[in-house]
Amino acid sequence: MPYTYILINFFTVIICFLASFDRRIQFNTLFGKFLLSSTIVAIPFIAWDIWFTAKGVWWFDLNYTLGFKIAGLPVEEWLFFYCIPFACVFTYYCLEKYFTLDWISVLNNLIVFTSVVVLGVVGLLYYERIYTLLTVIVMLITLFYLHFIAQKDWLGKASFVYLLLMPGFFAVNGILTGSLISSPVVNYNPDDFLGIRMGTIPVEDAVYGYSQFLLNIYFFKKITKNEK
């Protein structure tokens, strides 16, 4: 039981890590750049995590962890912000390397417009629920910056890859929120989120993960832009 969370991180990353050394992929040559880009993204998300944990928006069942905490978070939670992005960025890197996905770029405007409308409505209706509100704000800022300021044409491509990653999302977040185990690793205050769950997963988690995914792709691309 104490190894539950650390094993979730391990099995999330191990296949992608081993495949990184394949001579056809050679993602291992980009480990340093990945660590830099993921750290840039991890800093604000970890700060958010520490704050929410301190406020009781969510909390962790330490029976599923090794018992070591840093700033109120289990060490496994810190690793989560590197293991999950590694699997996601590696998958995106491989799909972009071997498949032509540019056709999805025609959906950029539709994705941004639809997301802004839906998120805006949800944020206005449920502004008193802090997890919902902050997730909406972060997602809107992310989309606004990437689409209108940075003018990135890969939002449709990244969104498609995120959909392909959904089985992994449901497996990992499902276990963390109580699927297949007797009680959740991560518990949520019902007053702070919508209460809409996909199985055991709060819908906000999918939006939270989407913003984190897009930002990891953005900084990874920015740092590796000169790589052949």
C-alpha atoms as a PDB file:
ATOM      1  CA  MET A   1       0.000   0.000   0.000  1.00  0.00           C
ATOM      2  CA  PRO A   2       2.738   2.595   0.782  1.00  0.00           C
ATOM      3  CA  TYR A   3       4.190   2.028  -2.694  1.00  0.00           C
ATOM      4  CA  THR A   4       0.952   2.797  -4.569  1.00  0.00           C
ATOM      5  CA  TYR A   5       1.703   6.371  -5.630  1.00  0.00           C
ATOM      6  CA  ILE A   6       5.381   5.799  -6.410  1.00  0.00           C
ATOM      7  CA  LEU A   7       4.467   2.790  -8.563  1.00  0.00           C
ATOM      8  CA  ILE A   8       1.892   4.856 -10.450  1.00  0.00           C
ATOM      9  CA  ASN A   9       4.666   7.310 -11.325  1.00  0.00           C
ATOM     10  CA  PHE A  10       7.057   4.490 -12.206  1.00  0.00           C
ATOM     11  CA  PHE A  11       4.735   2.633 -14.556  1.00  0.00           C
ATOM     12  CA  THR A  12       3.654   5.905 -16.176  1.00  0.00           C
ATOM     13  CA  VAL A  13       7.173   6.751 -17.220  1.00  0.00           C
ATOM     14  CA  ILE A  14       9.160   3.515 -17.562  1.00  0.00           C
ATOM     15  CA  ILE A  15       8.123   2.440 -21.088  1.00  0.00           C
ATOM     16  CA  CYS A  16       8.628   5.927 -22.510  1.00  0.00           C
ATOM     17  CA  PHE A  17      11.958   6.234 -20.703  1.00  0.00           C
ATOM     18  CA  LEU A  18      13.301   2.964 -22.125  1.00  0.00           C
ATOM     19  CA  ALA A  19      11.987   3.781 -25.607  1.00  0.00           C
ATOM     20  CA  SER A  20      13.825   7.122 -25.454  1.00  0.00           C
ATOM     21  CA  PHE A  21      17.103   5.298 -26.075  1.00  0.00           C
ATOM     22  CA  ASP A  22      15.886   3.723 -29.323  1.00  0.00           C
ATOM     23  CA  ARG A  23      18.285   4.859 -32.050  1.00  0.00           C
ATOM     24  CA  ARG A  24      15.342   5.850 -34.250  1.00  0.00           C
ATOM     25  CA  ILE A  25      14.004   8.192 -31.584  1.00  0.00           C
ATOM     26  CA  GLN A  26      17.007   9.310 -29.491  1.00  0.00           C
ATOM     27  CA  PHE A  27      14.849  11.296 -27.118  1.00  0.00           C
ATOM     28  CA  ASN A  28      17.516  10.609 -24.489  1.00  0.00           C
ATOM     29  CA  THR A  29      19.622  13.350 -26.088  1.00  0.00           C
ATOM     30  CA  LEU A  30      16.896  15.807 -25.042  1.00  0.00           C
ATOM     31  CA  PHE A  31      16.602  14.780 -21.385  1.00  0.00           C
ATOM     32  CA  GLY A  32      18.318  17.941 -20.153  1.00  0.00           C
ATOM     33  CA  LYS A  33      16.100  20.197 -22.238  1.00  0.00           C
ATOM     34  CA  PHE A  34      13.027  18.298 -21.092  1.00  0.00           C
ATOM     35  CA  LEU A  35      14.006  18.716 -17.439  1.00  0.00           C
ATOM     36  CA  LEU A  36      14.454  22.448 -17.949  1.00  0.00           C
ATOM     37  CA  SER A  37      11.146  22.924 -19.762  1.00  0.00           C
ATOM     38  CA  SER A  38       9.195  20.739 -17.334  1.00  0.00           C
ATOM     39  CA  THR A  39      10.681  22.574 -14.346  1.00  0.00           C
ATOM     40  CA  ILE A  40       9.550  25.907 -15.768  1.00  0.00           C
ATOM     41  CA  VAL A  41       6.007  24.539 -15.957  1.00  0.00           C
ATOM     42  CA  ALA A  42       6.198  22.609 -12.691  1.00  0.00           C
ATOM     43  CA  ILE A  43       7.077  25.640 -10.542  1.00  0.00           C
ATOM     44  CA  PRO A  44       3.695  27.430 -10.755  1.00  0.00           C
ATOM     45  CA  PHE A  45       1.718  24.165 -10.728  1.00  0.00           C
ATOM     46  CA  ILE A  46       3.531  22.915  -7.630  1.00  0.00           C
ATOM     47  CA  ALA A  47       2.950  26.283  -5.947  1.00  0.00           C
ATOM     48  CA  TRP A  48      -0.754  25.893  -6.812  1.00  0.00           C
ATOM     49  CA  ASP A  49      -0.665  22.359  -5.399  1.00  0.00           C
ATOM     50  CA  ILE A  50       0.980  23.476  -2.144  1.00  0.00           C
ATOM     51  CA  TRP A  51      -1.557  26.277  -1.706  1.00  0.00           C
ATOM     52  CA  PHE A  52      -4.589  24.061  -2.371  1.00  0.00           C
ATOM     53  CA  THR A  53      -3.277  21.375  -0.051  1.00  0.00           C
ATOM     54  CA  ALA A  54      -2.742  23.934   2.718  1.00  0.00           C
ATOM     55  CA  LYS A  55      -6.277  25.282   2.216  1.00  0.00           C
ATOM     56  CA  GLY A  56      -7.821  21.818   2.221  1.00  0.00           C
ATOM     57  CA  VAL A  57      -9.106  22.044  -1.361  1.00  0.00           C
ATOM     58  CA  TRP A  58      -7.554  18.603  -1.759  1.00  0.00           C
ATOM     59  CA  TRP A  59      -5.447  16.363   0.445  1.00  0.00           C
ATOM     60  CA  PHE A  60      -3.489  13.121   0.207  1.00  0.00           C
ATOM     61  CA  ASP A  61      -3.985   9.799   1.950  1.00  0.00           C
ATOM     62  CA  LEU A  62      -0.431   9.236   3.177  1.00  0.00           C
ATOM     63  CA  ASN A  63      -1.109   5.520   3.581  1.00  0.00           C
ATOM     64  CA  TYR A  64      -0.516   5.284  -0.178  1.00  0.00           C
ATOM     65  CA  THR A  65       2.824   7.114  -0.033  1.00  0.00           C
ATOM     66  CA  LEU A  66       6.299   6.493   1.327  1.00  0.00           C
ATOM     67  CA  GLY A  67       5.648   9.123   3.990  1.00  0.00           C
ATOM     68  CA  PHE A  68       8.185  11.747   2.901  1.00  0.00           C
ATOM     69  CA  LYS A  69       6.798  15.259   2.433  1.00  0.00           C
ATOM     70  CA  ILE A  70       8.252  18.470   1.039  1.00  0.00           C
ATOM     71  CA  ALA A  71       6.328  21.710   1.656  1.00  0.00           C
ATOM     72  CA  GLY A  72       3.302  19.673   2.659  1.00  0.00           C
ATOM     73  CA  LEU A  73       3.275  17.517  -0.482  1.00  0.00           C
ATOM     74  CA  PRO A  74       4.259  13.844  -0.670  1.00  0.00           C
ATOM     75  CA  VAL A  75       7.501  13.404  -2.582  1.00  0.00           C
ATOM     76  CA  GLU A  76       5.501  11.306  -5.075  1.00  0.00           C
ATOM     77  CA  GLU A  77       3.430  14.384  -5.886  1.00  0.00           C
ATOM     78  CA  TRP A  78       6.575  16.308  -6.778  1.00  0.00           C
ATOM     79  CA  LEU A  79       7.650  13.456  -9.057  1.00  0.00           C
ATOM     80  CA  PHE A  80       4.196  13.486 -10.649  1.00  0.00           C
ATOM     81  CA  PHE A  81       5.017  16.858 -12.258  1.00  0.00           C
ATOM     82  CA  TYR A  82       7.925  15.267 -14.101  1.00  0.00           C
ATOM     83  CA  CYS A  83       6.744  11.707 -14.773  1.00  0.00           C
ATOM     84  CA  ILE A  84       3.401  12.637 -16.351  1.00  0.00           C
ATOM     85  CA  PRO A  85       4.845  15.429 -18.546  1.00  0.00           C
ATOM     86  CA  PHE A  86       7.668  13.112 -19.630  1.00  0.00           C
ATOM     87  CA  ALA A  87       5.225  10.515 -20.923  1.00  0.00           C
ATOM     88  CA  CYS A  88       3.116  13.207 -22.591  1.00  0.00           C
ATOM     89  CA  VAL A  89       5.958  15.138 -24.218  1.00  0.00           C
ATOM     90  CA  PHE A  90       7.642  11.921 -25.362  1.00  0.00           C
ATOM     91  CA  THR A  91       4.397  10.740 -26.980  1.00  0.00           C
ATOM     92  CA  TYR A  92       3.870  14.091 -28.699  1.00  0.00           C
ATOM     93  CA  TYR A  93       7.492  14.121 -29.882  1.00  0.00           C
ATOM     94  CA  CYS A  94       7.204  10.655 -31.440  1.00  0.00           C
ATOM     95  CA  LEU A  95       3.839  11.293 -33.102  1.00  0.00           C
ATOM     96  CA  GLU A  96       5.057  14.578 -34.547  1.00  0.00           C
ATOM     97  CA  LYS A  97       8.285  12.936 -35.707  1.00  0.00           C
ATOM     98  CA  TYR A  98       6.689  10.016 -37.545  1.00  0.00           C
ATOM     99  CA  PHE A  99       3.226  11.183 -38.556  1.00  0.00           C
ATOM    100  CA  THR A 100       1.865  14.121 -40.511  1.00  0.00           C
ATOM    101  CA  LEU A 101      -0.601  15.797 -38.178  1.00  0.00           C
ATOM    102  CA  ASP A 102      -0.607  19.282 -39.700  1.00  0.00           C
ATOM    103  CA  TRP A 103      -4.093  18.753 -41.117  1.00  0.00           C
ATOM    104  CA  ILE A 104      -5.476  19.111 -37.604  1.00  0.00           C
ATOM    105  CA  SER A 105      -4.224  22.707 -37.484  1.00  0.00           C
ATOM    106  CA  VAL A 106      -7.372  23.811 -39.340  1.00  0.00           C
ATOM    107  CA  LEU A 107      -9.219  23.214 -36.063  1.00  0.00           C
ATOM    108  CA  ASN A 108      -7.119  25.712 -34.089  1.00  0.00           C
ATOM    109  CA  ASN A 109      -9.652  28.518 -34.194  1.00  0.00           C
ATOM    110  CA  LEU A 110     -12.589  26.209 -33.473  1.00  0.00           C
ATOM    111  CA  ILE A 111     -10.824  24.630 -30.486  1.00  0.00           C
ATOM    112  CA  VAL A 112      -9.889  28.001 -28.998  1.00  0.00           C
ATOM    113  CA  PHE A 113     -13.306  29.586 -29.621  1.00  0.00           C
ATOM    114  CA  THR A 114     -15.243  26.640 -28.195  1.00  0.00           C
ATOM    115  CA  SER A 115     -12.952  26.323 -25.196  1.00  0.00           C
ATOM    116  CA  VAL A 116     -13.115  30.036 -24.379  1.00  0.00           C
ATOM    117  CA  VAL A 117     -16.918  30.096 -24.550  1.00  0.00           C
ATOM    118  CA  VAL A 118     -17.409  26.966 -22.448  1.00  0.00           C
ATOM    119  CA  LEU A 119     -14.755  27.897 -19.892  1.00  0.00           C
ATOM    120  CA  GLY A 120     -16.015  31.467 -19.663  1.00  0.00           C
ATOM    121  CA  VAL A 121     -19.568  30.345 -18.940  1.00  0.00           C
ATOM    122  CA  VAL A 122     -18.458  27.786 -16.340  1.00  0.00           C
ATOM    123  CA  GLY A 123     -16.181  30.320 -14.660  1.00  0.00           C
ATOM    124  CA  LEU A 124     -18.940  32.909 -14.390  1.00  0.00           C
ATOM    125  CA  LEU A 125     -21.522  30.430 -13.088  1.00  0.00           C
ATOM    126  CA  TYR A 126     -19.281  28.720 -10.543  1.00  0.00           C
ATOM    127  CA  TYR A 127     -16.851  31.448  -9.521  1.00  0.00           C
ATOM    128  CA  GLU A 128     -17.272  30.548  -5.825  1.00  0.00           C
ATOM    129  CA  ARG A 129     -15.708  27.113  -6.357  1.00  0.00           C
ATOM    130  CA  ILE A 130     -11.997  27.777  -6.140  1.00  0.00           C
ATOM    131  CA  TYR A 131     -10.695  24.697  -7.991  1.00  0.00           C
ATOM    132  CA  THR A 132     -13.133  25.277 -10.840  1.00  0.00           C
ATOM    133  CA  LEU A 133     -12.415  29.006 -11.033  1.00  0.00           C
ATOM    134  CA  LEU A 134      -8.623  28.773 -10.930  1.00  0.00           C
ATOM    135  CA  THR A 135      -8.610  25.945 -13.472  1.00  0.00           C
ATOM    136  CA  VAL A 136     -10.740  28.064 -15.818  1.00  0.00           C
ATOM    137  CA  ILE A 137      -8.497  31.102 -15.383  1.00  0.00           C
ATOM    138  CA  VAL A 138      -5.264  29.162 -16.017  1.00  0.00           C
ATOM    139  CA  MET A 139      -6.728  27.425 -19.062  1.00  0.00           C
ATOM    140  CA  LEU A 140      -8.013  30.693 -20.542  1.00  0.00           C
ATOM    141  CA  ILE A 141      -4.668  32.434 -20.015  1.00  0.00           C
ATOM    142  CA  THR A 142      -2.842  29.470 -21.579  1.00  0.00           C
ATOM    143  CA  LEU A 143      -5.066  29.428 -24.663  1.00  0.00           C
ATOM    144  CA  PHE A 144      -5.028  33.214 -25.034  1.00  0.00           C
ATOM    145  CA  TYR A 145      -1.236  33.364 -24.850  1.00  0.00           C
ATOM    146  CA  LEU A 146      -0.533  30.419 -27.160  1.00  0.00           C
ATOM    147  CA  HIS A 147      -3.116  31.353 -29.772  1.00  0.00           C
ATOM    148  CA  PHE A 148      -3.151  35.155 -29.846  1.00  0.00           C
ATOM    149  CA  ILE A 149       0.266  36.210 -28.548  1.00  0.00           C
ATOM    150  CA  ALA A 150       2.646  33.355 -29.362  1.00  0.00           C
ATOM    151  CA  GLN A 151       0.458  32.489 -32.395  1.00  0.00           C
ATOM    152  CA  LYS A 152       1.260  28.794 -32.298  1.00  0.00           C
ATOM    153  CA  ASP A 153      -0.230  26.708 -35.095  1.00  0.00           C
ATOM    154  CA  TRP A 154       0.086  23.376 -33.279  1.00  0.00           C
ATOM    155  CA  LEU A 155      -2.791  23.742 -30.818  1.00  0.00           C
ATOM    156  CA  GLY A 156      -5.020  21.462 -32.881  1.00  0.00           C
ATOM    157  CA  LYS A 157      -2.240  18.896 -33.174  1.00  0.00           C
ATOM    158  CA  ALA A 158      -1.524  19.008 -29.445  1.00  0.00           C
ATOM    159  CA  SER A 159      -5.228  18.747 -28.617  1.00  0.00           C
ATOM    160  CA  PHE A 160      -5.502  15.650 -30.806  1.00  0.00           C
ATOM    161  CA  VAL A 161      -2.523  14.045 -29.051  1.00  0.00           C
ATOM    162  CA  TYR A 162      -4.069  14.910 -25.673  1.00  0.00           C
ATOM    163  CA  LEU A 163      -7.184  13.001 -26.723  1.00  0.00           C
ATOM    164  CA  LEU A 164      -4.998  10.024 -27.669  1.00  0.00           C
ATOM    165  CA  LEU A 165      -3.482  10.202 -24.184  1.00  0.00           C
ATOM    166  CA  MET A 166      -6.891   9.991 -22.495  1.00  0.00           C
ATOM    167  CA  PRO A 167      -6.685   6.225 -21.775  1.00  0.00           C
ATOM    168  CA  GLY A 168      -3.502   6.880 -19.820  1.00  0.00           C
ATOM    169  CA  PHE A 169      -5.117   9.863 -18.125  1.00  0.00           C
ATOM    170  CA  PHE A 170      -8.050   7.749 -16.983  1.00  0.00           C
ATOM    171  CA  ALA A 171      -5.747   4.975 -15.776  1.00  0.00           C
ATOM    172  CA  VAL A 172      -3.451   7.225 -13.738  1.00  0.00           C
ATOM    173  CA  ASN A 173      -5.945   9.766 -12.426  1.00  0.00           C
ATOM    174  CA  GLY A 174      -8.545   7.057 -11.978  1.00  0.00           C
ATOM    175  CA  ILE A 175      -6.362   5.171  -9.514  1.00  0.00           C
ATOM    176  CA  LEU A 176      -5.325   8.378  -7.746  1.00  0.00           C
ATOM    177  CA  THR A 177      -8.982   9.340  -7.254  1.00  0.00           C
ATOM    178  CA  GLY A 178     -10.130   5.925  -6.058  1.00  0.00           C
ATOM    179  CA  SER A 179     -10.642   3.609  -9.018  1.00  0.00           C
ATOM    180  CA  LEU A 180      -9.474   0.030  -8.394  1.00  0.00           C
ATOM    181  CA  ILE A 181      -8.375   0.814  -4.824  1.00  0.00           C
ATOM    182  CA  SER A 182     -10.364   0.941  -1.585  1.00  0.00           C
ATOM    183  CA  SER A 183     -10.071   4.720  -1.090  1.00  0.00           C
ATOM    184  CA  PRO A 184      -8.616   7.676  -3.053  1.00  0.00           C
ATOM    185  CA  VAL A 185      -4.994   8.722  -2.913  1.00  0.00           C
ATOM    186  CA  VAL A 186      -6.151  12.278  -3.618  1.00  0.00           C
ATOM    187  CA  ASN A 187      -9.312  13.559  -1.913  1.00  0.00           C
ATOM    188  CA  TYR A 188     -11.262  16.682  -2.893  1.00  0.00           C
ATOM    189  CA  ASN A 189     -13.351  19.091  -0.854  1.00  0.00           C
ATOM    190  CA  PRO A 190     -16.817  18.855  -2.475  1.00  0.00           C
ATOM    191  CA  ASP A 191     -17.412  22.589  -1.899  1.00  0.00           C
ATOM    192  CA  ASP A 192     -14.469  23.579  -4.099  1.00  0.00           C
ATOM    193  CA  PHE A 193     -15.234  21.878  -7.423  1.00  0.00           C
ATOM    194  CA  LEU A 194     -18.212  21.212  -9.681  1.00  0.00           C
ATOM    195  CA  GLY A 195     -18.819  17.704  -8.423  1.00  0.00           C
ATOM    196  CA  ILE A 196     -18.957  16.382 -11.992  1.00  0.00           C
ATOM    197  CA  ARG A 197     -16.786  13.296 -12.232  1.00  0.00           C
ATOM    198  CA  MET A 198     -15.648  11.127 -15.097  1.00  0.00           C
ATOM    199  CA  GLY A 199     -15.781   7.874 -13.203  1.00  0.00           C
ATOM    200  CA  THR A 200     -13.926   8.949 -10.068  1.00  0.00           C
ATOM    201  CA  ILE A 201     -12.045  11.843 -11.717  1.00  0.00           C
ATOM    202  CA  PRO A 202     -13.230  15.470 -11.272  1.00  0.00           C
ATOM    203  CA  VAL A 203     -13.755  17.035 -14.684  1.00  0.00           C
ATOM    204  CA  GLU A 204     -11.488  19.898 -13.603  1.00  0.00           C
ATOM    205  CA  ASP A 205      -8.569  17.448 -13.589  1.00  0.00           C
ATOM    206  CA  ALA A 206      -8.884  17.009 -17.365  1.00  0.00           C
ATOM    207  CA  VAL A 207      -8.773  20.778 -17.921  1.00  0.00           C
ATOM    208  CA  TYR A 208      -5.930  21.167 -15.422  1.00  0.00           C
ATOM    209  CA  GLY A 209      -4.020  18.434 -17.263  1.00  0.00           C
ATOM    210  CA  TYR A 210      -4.744  20.022 -20.650  1.00  0.00           C
ATOM    211  CA  SER A 211      -3.239  23.369 -19.639  1.00  0.00           C
ATOM    212  CA  GLN A 212      -0.221  21.649 -18.116  1.00  0.00           C
ATOM    213  CA  PHE A 213       0.206  19.544 -21.261  1.00  0.00           C
ATOM    214  CA  LEU A 214       0.066  22.552 -23.619  1.00  0.00           C
ATOM    215  CA  LEU A 215       2.551  24.527 -21.537  1.00  0.00           C
ATOM    216  CA  ASN A 216       4.982  21.601 -21.388  1.00  0.00           C
ATOM    217  CA  ILE A 217       4.813  21.257 -25.172  1.00  0.00           C
ATOM    218  CA  TYR A 218       5.283  24.997 -25.620  1.00  0.00           C
ATOM    219  CA  PHE A 219       8.405  25.294 -23.456  1.00  0.00           C
ATOM    220  CA  PHE A 220       9.876  22.033 -24.746  1.00  0.00           C
ATOM    221  CA  LYS A 221       9.491  23.251 -28.324  1.00  0.00           C
ATOM    222  CA  LYS A 222      10.896  26.646 -27.425  1.00  0.00           C
ATOM    223  CA  ILE A 223      13.982  25.210 -25.738  1.00  0.00           C
ATOM    224  CA  THR A 224      14.620  22.593 -28.449  1.00  0.00           C
ATOM    225  CA  LYS A 225      13.786  24.824 -31.438  1.00  0.00           C
ATOM    226  CA  ASN A 226      17.346  24.651 -32.754  1.00  0.00           C
ATOM    227  CA  GLU A 227      17.460  20.843 -32.572  1.00  0.00           C
ATOM    228  CA  LYS A 228      17.382  19.088 -35.943  1.00  0.00           C
END
